[in-house]
Amino acid sequence: MKIIFMGSPEEVVSPLRTLIEHCRSSATDELLGVVSQPARPAGRKQVLTDPPVAAFAKEQGLTVWQPEKARDADFLNILEQAEPDVIVTAAYGQILSDNFLKIPKRATINIHPSALPAYRGATPVPAALLDGLSETAVTVLFTVKALDAGNIILQQKFTIEPREYAANLTARLFAASGPLLLQALDKLRDPVFSGTPQDPELVTFCKKIAKTDGQINWGQPVDKLVNEFRAYKPWPGSFCFWQDARVVIEDMEQAEPGVPSLNPGIFRLDRKNKALLVGTGTHPIWVRQLKPAGSKSVDALSFWNGARLKDEGRFQ
C-alpha cells in the first residue's frame, strides 16, 4: 500500500517513526511522504520553526508537504497525483474536506487517544483526566466527514496512572499507537473490511479548553482541583494569585488522611513534607513547586521564604 502520514506535534513523531521503520523493511508498503502544518514563528526571536513532525520527517529524508490549508486546490491536486491508498492522520490540526477524503483509494484513517465513542474532539486526554478516569484507550478509526464518527478499526485500552497529567499521558498513548497502526493497516488489506460502527448512545464530546480554565478555585472539592491540575498541565497550567501576582502551581497532590484542614486558599508551610499545605473546599492538598510571575520555578520552602510569612498566607 502507498501511505501518507499527516501530523504535527511532538507526540505523534512516535507512530510516524514506527511507520517509517515498517515501510523501509516492507516489500509491499511505501511511505510516500508526510503532511504537516506550515512553519510558524516561535520563541522570543520569532524564528520560523517547523512543527516537530515536519522537522523529523525532513531529517529522515522524506517528502514533506506543509499546506496552509489541507483543502487548498493546489494541495489536493498534489495528493491526487501521489495516488495514496491510505492516508493516516494523527493530531494534524485541520478539518478535512469531502474532496480530500475522496482521494485515497482505500481509506483515510485516524489515531485518536480516547475510548471512542467517548471524547470525540480535539482534547480527549484532558477530558478523560477532568472526569477522573482510571482508564482510557487508543482508537484507530476510519475518517469520515462527521467529527471522529467513523467506524472503529481497532481499539486498545490503557490504565491511567494516578500521577499522570495531560502531556505525559498523551505522549504515552501515541507512543503505544505505532504497533496499533500497523495492525490497522493489515486489516485494511482486506478490501471488504469496514470496521465496527460506534454506538450513538455512548457518544460524548470534548470541550474546548481556554486559557482562563486554568485559574484555580480553591473552594472546589480536592478531587476536582487535582483532576483539573492534571488535565491542564502543561497548558493552560493551573494558576492562582498571591498578593495580586499570578502564581503557576507546578506540582499538586492530595494530602493524606488525617492532615488538618484549612479554609479554601489558606496555606501553611510543612517543613517535614517540604510542601505548602493548602486548604480546599474539602480536603487539603500539598503544593511542592510553584512559578511566580516573572520568576523561575521554585520549591515550596523558597516560595515561603520569599513571601516572608510567619504563620500562613492565602492564595486568591
Protein backbone atom coordinates (compact mmCIF):
# COMPACT_ATOMS: atom_id res chain seq x y z
CA MET A 1 0.00 0.00 0.00
CA LYS A 2 1.05 3.56 -0.69
CA ILE A 3 0.72 5.58 2.53
CA ILE A 4 0.81 9.24 3.50
CA PHE A 5 1.13 10.32 7.15
CA MET A 6 -0.35 13.59 8.46
CA GLY A 7 0.50 15.04 11.87
CA SER A 8 2.08 17.99 13.63
CA PRO A 9 3.03 17.82 17.36
CA GLU A 10 5.92 16.05 19.05
CA GLU A 11 3.74 13.27 20.45
CA VAL A 12 2.91 11.83 17.04
CA VAL A 13 6.51 11.53 15.91
CA SER A 14 6.39 8.13 17.63
CA PRO A 15 3.80 6.46 15.35
CA LEU A 16 5.46 8.10 12.34
CA ARG A 17 8.79 6.56 13.37
CA THR A 18 7.14 3.15 13.61
CA LEU A 19 5.59 3.59 10.16
CA ILE A 20 8.92 4.66 8.64
CA GLU A 21 10.70 1.61 10.05
CA HIS A 22 7.94 -0.67 8.81
CA CYS A 23 7.89 0.74 5.28
CA ARG A 24 11.67 0.61 4.94
CA SER A 25 11.62 -3.13 5.61
CA SER A 26 8.37 -3.92 3.76
CA ALA A 27 8.12 -5.31 0.27
CA THR A 28 4.52 -4.13 -0.10
CA ASP A 29 4.13 -0.84 1.79
CA GLU A 30 5.59 2.53 0.79
CA LEU A 31 5.53 5.81 2.70
CA LEU A 32 5.03 8.45 0.01
CA GLY A 33 5.53 11.40 2.31
CA VAL A 34 4.36 13.41 5.31
CA VAL A 35 1.92 16.29 5.60
CA SER A 36 2.27 18.75 8.47
CA GLN A 37 1.37 22.29 9.40
CA PRO A 38 3.43 25.16 7.95
CA ALA A 39 6.42 26.57 9.82
CA ARG A 40 5.45 29.28 12.33
CA PRO A 41 7.40 31.97 14.22
CA ALA A 42 8.48 30.64 17.61
CA GLY A 43 10.41 31.82 20.65
CA ARG A 44 11.43 35.31 21.67
CA LYS A 45 13.19 35.91 18.38
CA GLN A 46 10.18 34.60 16.42
CA VAL A 47 12.31 32.27 14.33
CA LEU A 48 10.34 30.41 11.65
CA THR A 49 10.13 26.86 13.03
CA ASP A 50 8.71 23.64 11.59
CA PRO A 51 6.28 21.54 13.64
CA PRO A 52 8.09 18.56 15.23
CA VAL A 53 6.61 16.06 12.75
CA ALA A 54 7.76 18.10 9.74
CA ALA A 55 11.23 18.59 11.23
CA PHE A 56 11.60 14.86 11.98
CA ALA A 57 10.34 13.82 8.53
CA LYS A 58 12.85 16.12 6.84
CA GLU A 59 15.65 14.66 8.96
CA GLN A 60 14.58 11.25 7.67
CA GLY A 61 14.83 12.43 4.08
CA LEU A 62 11.09 12.14 3.43
CA THR A 63 8.98 14.24 1.12
CA VAL A 64 7.15 16.80 3.28
CA TRP A 65 4.16 18.93 2.30
CA GLN A 66 3.11 21.85 4.51
CA PRO A 67 -0.01 23.44 3.01
CA GLU A 68 -1.63 26.38 4.75
CA LYS A 69 -4.97 24.61 4.35
CA ALA A 70 -5.40 20.91 3.56
CA ARG A 71 -8.45 21.78 1.46
CA ASP A 72 -6.50 24.06 -0.91
CA ALA A 73 -6.98 23.01 -4.53
CA ASP A 74 -3.25 23.01 -5.32
CA PHE A 75 -2.51 20.68 -2.43
CA LEU A 76 -5.43 18.38 -3.28
CA ASN A 77 -4.02 18.14 -6.79
CA ILE A 78 -0.63 17.08 -5.36
CA LEU A 79 -2.35 14.39 -3.30
CA GLU A 80 -4.28 13.10 -6.32
CA GLN A 81 -1.08 12.80 -8.33
CA ALA A 82 0.58 10.89 -5.46
CA GLU A 83 -2.22 8.28 -5.65
CA PRO A 84 -2.14 7.14 -2.00
CA ASP A 85 -4.01 4.03 -0.92
CA VAL A 86 -4.20 5.11 2.72
CA ILE A 87 -3.78 8.44 4.49
CA VAL A 88 -3.04 8.27 8.22
CA THR A 89 -3.82 11.29 10.40
CA ALA A 90 -2.70 11.88 13.99
CA ALA A 91 -3.21 15.26 15.66
CA TYR A 92 -2.83 17.02 12.32
CA GLY A 93 -4.85 20.03 13.41
CA GLN A 94 -7.20 20.73 10.49
CA ILE A 95 -10.66 19.58 9.43
CA LEU A 96 -10.51 17.52 6.23
CA SER A 97 -12.90 18.25 3.37
CA ASP A 98 -15.06 15.84 1.39
CA ASN A 99 -12.80 16.36 -1.62
CA PHE A 100 -9.81 15.37 0.49
CA LEU A 101 -11.47 12.21 1.80
CA LYS A 102 -12.24 11.06 -1.75
CA ILE A 103 -8.56 10.92 -2.73
CA PRO A 104 -7.10 7.81 -1.02
CA LYS A 105 -8.07 4.61 -2.81
CA ARG A 106 -8.68 2.59 0.36
CA ALA A 107 -9.28 4.99 3.26
CA THR A 108 -8.24 7.88 5.43
CA ILE A 109 -7.76 6.66 8.99
CA ASN A 110 -7.10 8.48 12.26
CA ILE A 111 -5.30 7.71 15.52
CA HIS A 112 -7.41 9.11 18.37
CA PRO A 113 -6.33 8.91 22.05
CA SER A 114 -9.66 8.02 23.66
CA ALA A 115 -12.06 5.12 24.04
CA LEU A 116 -14.37 6.20 21.23
CA PRO A 117 -17.24 6.87 21.05
CA ALA A 118 -16.29 8.70 24.26
CA TYR A 119 -14.50 12.04 23.94
CA ARG A 120 -14.76 12.91 20.30
CA GLY A 121 -12.92 16.13 19.51
CA ALA A 122 -9.56 17.80 19.96
CA THR A 123 -8.97 17.40 23.73
CA PRO A 124 -9.71 13.75 24.60
CA VAL A 125 -6.83 13.29 27.05
CA PRO A 126 -7.57 16.37 29.17
CA ALA A 127 -11.27 15.42 29.07
CA ALA A 128 -10.56 11.97 30.49
CA LEU A 129 -8.41 13.48 33.25
CA LEU A 130 -11.03 16.11 34.08
CA ASP A 131 -13.50 13.30 34.62
CA GLY A 132 -11.08 11.47 36.88
CA LEU A 133 -10.99 8.32 34.77
CA SER A 134 -8.60 5.50 35.64
CA GLU A 135 -8.68 4.04 32.13
CA THR A 136 -8.62 5.34 28.56
CA ALA A 137 -7.76 3.94 25.13
CA VAL A 138 -6.18 4.49 21.75
CA THR A 139 -8.60 4.07 18.85
CA VAL A 140 -7.73 3.74 15.17
CA LEU A 141 -10.79 4.56 13.08
CA PHE A 142 -11.96 5.38 9.58
CA THR A 143 -12.14 9.12 8.98
CA VAL A 144 -15.49 10.48 7.81
CA LYS A 145 -16.85 14.00 7.47
CA ALA A 146 -18.50 13.96 10.92
CA LEU A 147 -16.04 14.54 13.77
CA ASP A 148 -14.41 11.28 14.96
CA ALA A 149 -17.56 9.39 13.93
CA GLY A 150 -16.10 6.73 11.61
CA ASN A 151 -16.18 3.00 12.16
CA ILE A 152 -13.59 1.68 14.60
CA ILE A 153 -10.78 -0.38 13.07
CA LEU A 154 -9.30 -1.38 16.41
CA GLN A 155 -9.01 -0.10 19.97
CA GLN A 156 -6.71 -0.86 22.89
CA LYS A 157 -7.33 0.20 26.49
CA PHE A 158 -4.71 1.63 28.84
CA THR A 159 -4.65 2.35 32.57
CA ILE A 160 -4.21 6.00 33.58
CA GLU A 161 -1.60 6.26 36.32
CA PRO A 162 -2.51 8.41 39.37
CA ARG A 163 0.25 10.96 38.80
CA GLU A 164 -0.02 11.24 35.01
CA TYR A 165 -1.00 14.56 33.51
CA ALA A 166 -2.14 15.58 30.03
CA ALA A 167 1.26 15.94 28.38
CA ASN A 168 2.88 12.70 29.52
CA LEU A 169 -0.31 10.65 29.15
CA THR A 170 -0.77 11.94 25.59
CA ALA A 171 2.84 11.06 24.79
CA ARG A 172 2.44 7.55 26.23
CA LEU A 173 -0.75 6.85 24.30
CA PHE A 174 0.72 7.96 20.98
CA ALA A 175 3.92 6.02 21.73
CA ALA A 176 1.75 2.92 22.05
CA SER A 177 -0.16 3.70 18.86
CA GLY A 178 2.57 2.70 16.40
CA PRO A 179 2.02 -1.08 16.64
CA LEU A 180 -1.75 -0.49 16.59
CA LEU A 181 -1.38 1.49 13.38
CA LEU A 182 0.45 -1.40 11.73
CA GLN A 183 -2.31 -3.78 12.84
CA ALA A 184 -4.90 -1.41 11.39
CA LEU A 185 -3.07 -1.29 8.05
CA ASP A 186 -3.09 -5.10 7.96
CA LYS A 187 -6.86 -5.07 8.43
CA LEU A 188 -7.22 -2.66 5.51
CA ARG A 189 -5.60 -5.19 3.18
CA ASP A 190 -8.97 -6.93 3.21
CA PRO A 191 -10.98 -4.84 0.71
CA VAL A 192 -14.31 -5.66 2.36
CA PHE A 193 -13.23 -4.82 5.93
CA SER A 194 -15.30 -1.87 7.16
CA GLY A 195 -14.73 -1.80 10.93
CA THR A 196 -17.22 -1.60 13.79
CA PRO A 197 -19.79 1.23 13.95
CA GLN A 198 -19.73 3.41 17.05
CA ASP A 199 -22.69 3.20 19.42
CA PRO A 200 -24.50 6.56 19.03
CA GLU A 201 -25.93 6.30 22.56
CA LEU A 202 -22.41 6.35 24.05
CA VAL A 203 -21.10 9.39 22.17
CA THR A 204 -19.57 12.21 24.22
CA PHE A 205 -17.62 15.26 23.08
CA CYS A 206 -14.62 17.16 24.47
CA LYS A 207 -14.96 20.78 25.47
CA LYS A 208 -12.63 23.41 24.07
CA ILE A 209 -10.06 24.45 26.68
CA ALA A 210 -9.50 28.17 27.24
CA LYS A 211 -6.55 29.85 28.95
CA THR A 212 -8.84 31.06 31.74
CA ASP A 213 -9.84 27.48 32.61
CA GLY A 214 -6.56 27.10 34.44
CA GLN A 215 -7.47 29.57 37.19
CA ILE A 216 -7.84 27.66 40.45
CA ASN A 217 -10.99 27.97 42.54
CA TRP A 218 -9.76 26.80 45.93
CA GLY A 219 -13.34 26.38 47.14
CA GLN A 220 -13.83 23.35 44.90
CA PRO A 221 -13.52 19.75 46.19
CA VAL A 222 -9.96 18.48 46.29
CA ASP A 223 -10.52 15.72 43.73
CA LYS A 224 -11.84 18.26 41.20
CA LEU A 225 -8.84 20.51 41.79
CA VAL A 226 -6.39 17.64 41.29
CA ASN A 227 -8.21 16.48 38.15
CA GLU A 228 -8.03 19.99 36.70
CA PHE A 229 -4.33 20.27 37.56
CA ARG A 230 -3.59 17.01 35.75
CA ALA A 231 -5.75 17.93 32.75
CA TYR A 232 -4.29 21.42 32.31
CA LYS A 233 -0.59 20.57 32.61
CA PRO A 234 1.25 21.94 30.76
CA TRP A 235 -1.39 24.16 29.10
CA PRO A 236 -3.04 26.35 30.21
CA GLY A 237 -1.49 25.38 33.55
CA SER A 238 -3.10 25.74 36.97
CA PHE A 239 -2.65 29.19 38.40
CA CYS A 240 -3.85 31.42 41.24
CA PHE A 241 -2.83 34.80 42.68
CA TRP A 242 -0.68 35.78 45.61
CA GLN A 243 -0.67 39.48 46.50
CA ASP A 244 -2.22 40.25 43.11
CA ALA A 245 0.61 38.46 41.27
CA ARG A 246 -0.02 35.34 39.22
CA VAL A 247 1.48 32.09 40.50
CA VAL A 248 1.52 28.86 38.49
CA ILE A 249 1.21 25.70 40.57
CA GLU A 250 3.61 23.16 39.07
CA ASP A 251 3.13 20.25 41.46
CA MET A 252 -0.07 19.40 43.34
CA GLU A 253 -1.13 16.29 45.25
CA GLN A 254 -3.97 15.46 47.62
CA ALA A 255 -2.79 15.33 51.25
CA GLU A 256 -3.07 12.04 53.07
CA PRO A 257 -5.93 11.39 55.54
CA GLY A 258 -5.51 12.95 58.98
CA VAL A 259 -3.85 16.16 57.80
CA PRO A 260 -5.53 19.18 59.49
CA SER A 261 -7.97 21.03 57.25
CA LEU A 262 -7.66 24.68 56.28
CA ASN A 263 -10.09 27.18 54.80
CA PRO A 264 -10.01 27.36 50.98
CA GLY A 265 -6.88 29.09 49.71
CA ILE A 266 -5.21 29.35 53.12
CA PHE A 267 -1.71 27.86 53.07
CA ARG A 268 0.98 26.98 55.58
CA LEU A 269 4.48 25.59 55.24
CA ASP A 270 5.05 22.00 56.34
CA ARG A 271 8.81 21.72 56.69
CA LYS A 272 8.75 17.96 57.26
CA ASN A 273 6.97 17.38 53.91
CA LYS A 274 8.80 20.24 52.18
CA ALA A 275 5.48 21.48 50.86
CA LEU A 276 2.77 24.06 51.29
CA LEU A 277 -0.44 22.67 52.77
CA VAL A 278 -3.32 24.47 51.02
CA GLY A 279 -6.98 24.37 52.02
CA THR A 280 -9.69 23.46 49.50
CA GLY A 281 -13.45 23.02 49.63
CA THR A 282 -12.95 19.58 51.16
CA HIS A 283 -9.56 18.04 51.97
CA PRO A 284 -6.25 19.97 51.77
CA ILE A 285 -3.55 19.45 49.15
CA TRP A 286 0.24 19.57 49.05
CA VAL A 287 1.92 22.07 46.73
CA ARG A 288 5.65 21.43 46.27
CA GLN A 289 6.61 23.51 43.24
CA LEU A 290 5.44 26.96 42.10
CA LYS A 291 6.36 29.55 39.50
CA PRO A 292 5.64 33.17 40.47
CA ALA A 293 5.11 35.64 37.64
CA GLY A 294 8.40 36.89 36.22
CA SER A 295 10.40 34.38 38.23
CA LYS A 296 11.88 30.94 37.79
CA SER A 297 10.25 27.84 39.22
CA VAL A 298 10.84 27.50 42.98
CA ASP A 299 10.17 24.86 45.62
CA ALA A 300 7.69 25.43 48.45
CA LEU A 301 10.32 26.46 51.00
CA SER A 302 11.87 29.04 48.66
CA PHE A 303 8.43 30.48 47.92
CA TRP A 304 7.61 30.67 51.64
CA ASN A 305 10.89 32.37 52.48
CA GLY A 306 10.46 34.82 49.62
CA ALA A 307 6.96 35.68 50.82
CA ARG A 308 8.38 36.33 54.33
CA LEU A 309 5.44 34.71 56.06
CA LYS A 310 5.33 33.56 59.68
CA ASP A 311 2.11 31.60 60.13
CA GLU A 312 0.02 31.43 56.97
CA GLY A 313 -0.88 33.10 53.70
CA ARG A 314 -3.80 33.00 51.34
CA PHE A 315 -3.97 32.29 47.63
CA GLN A 316 -6.69 34.06 45.69
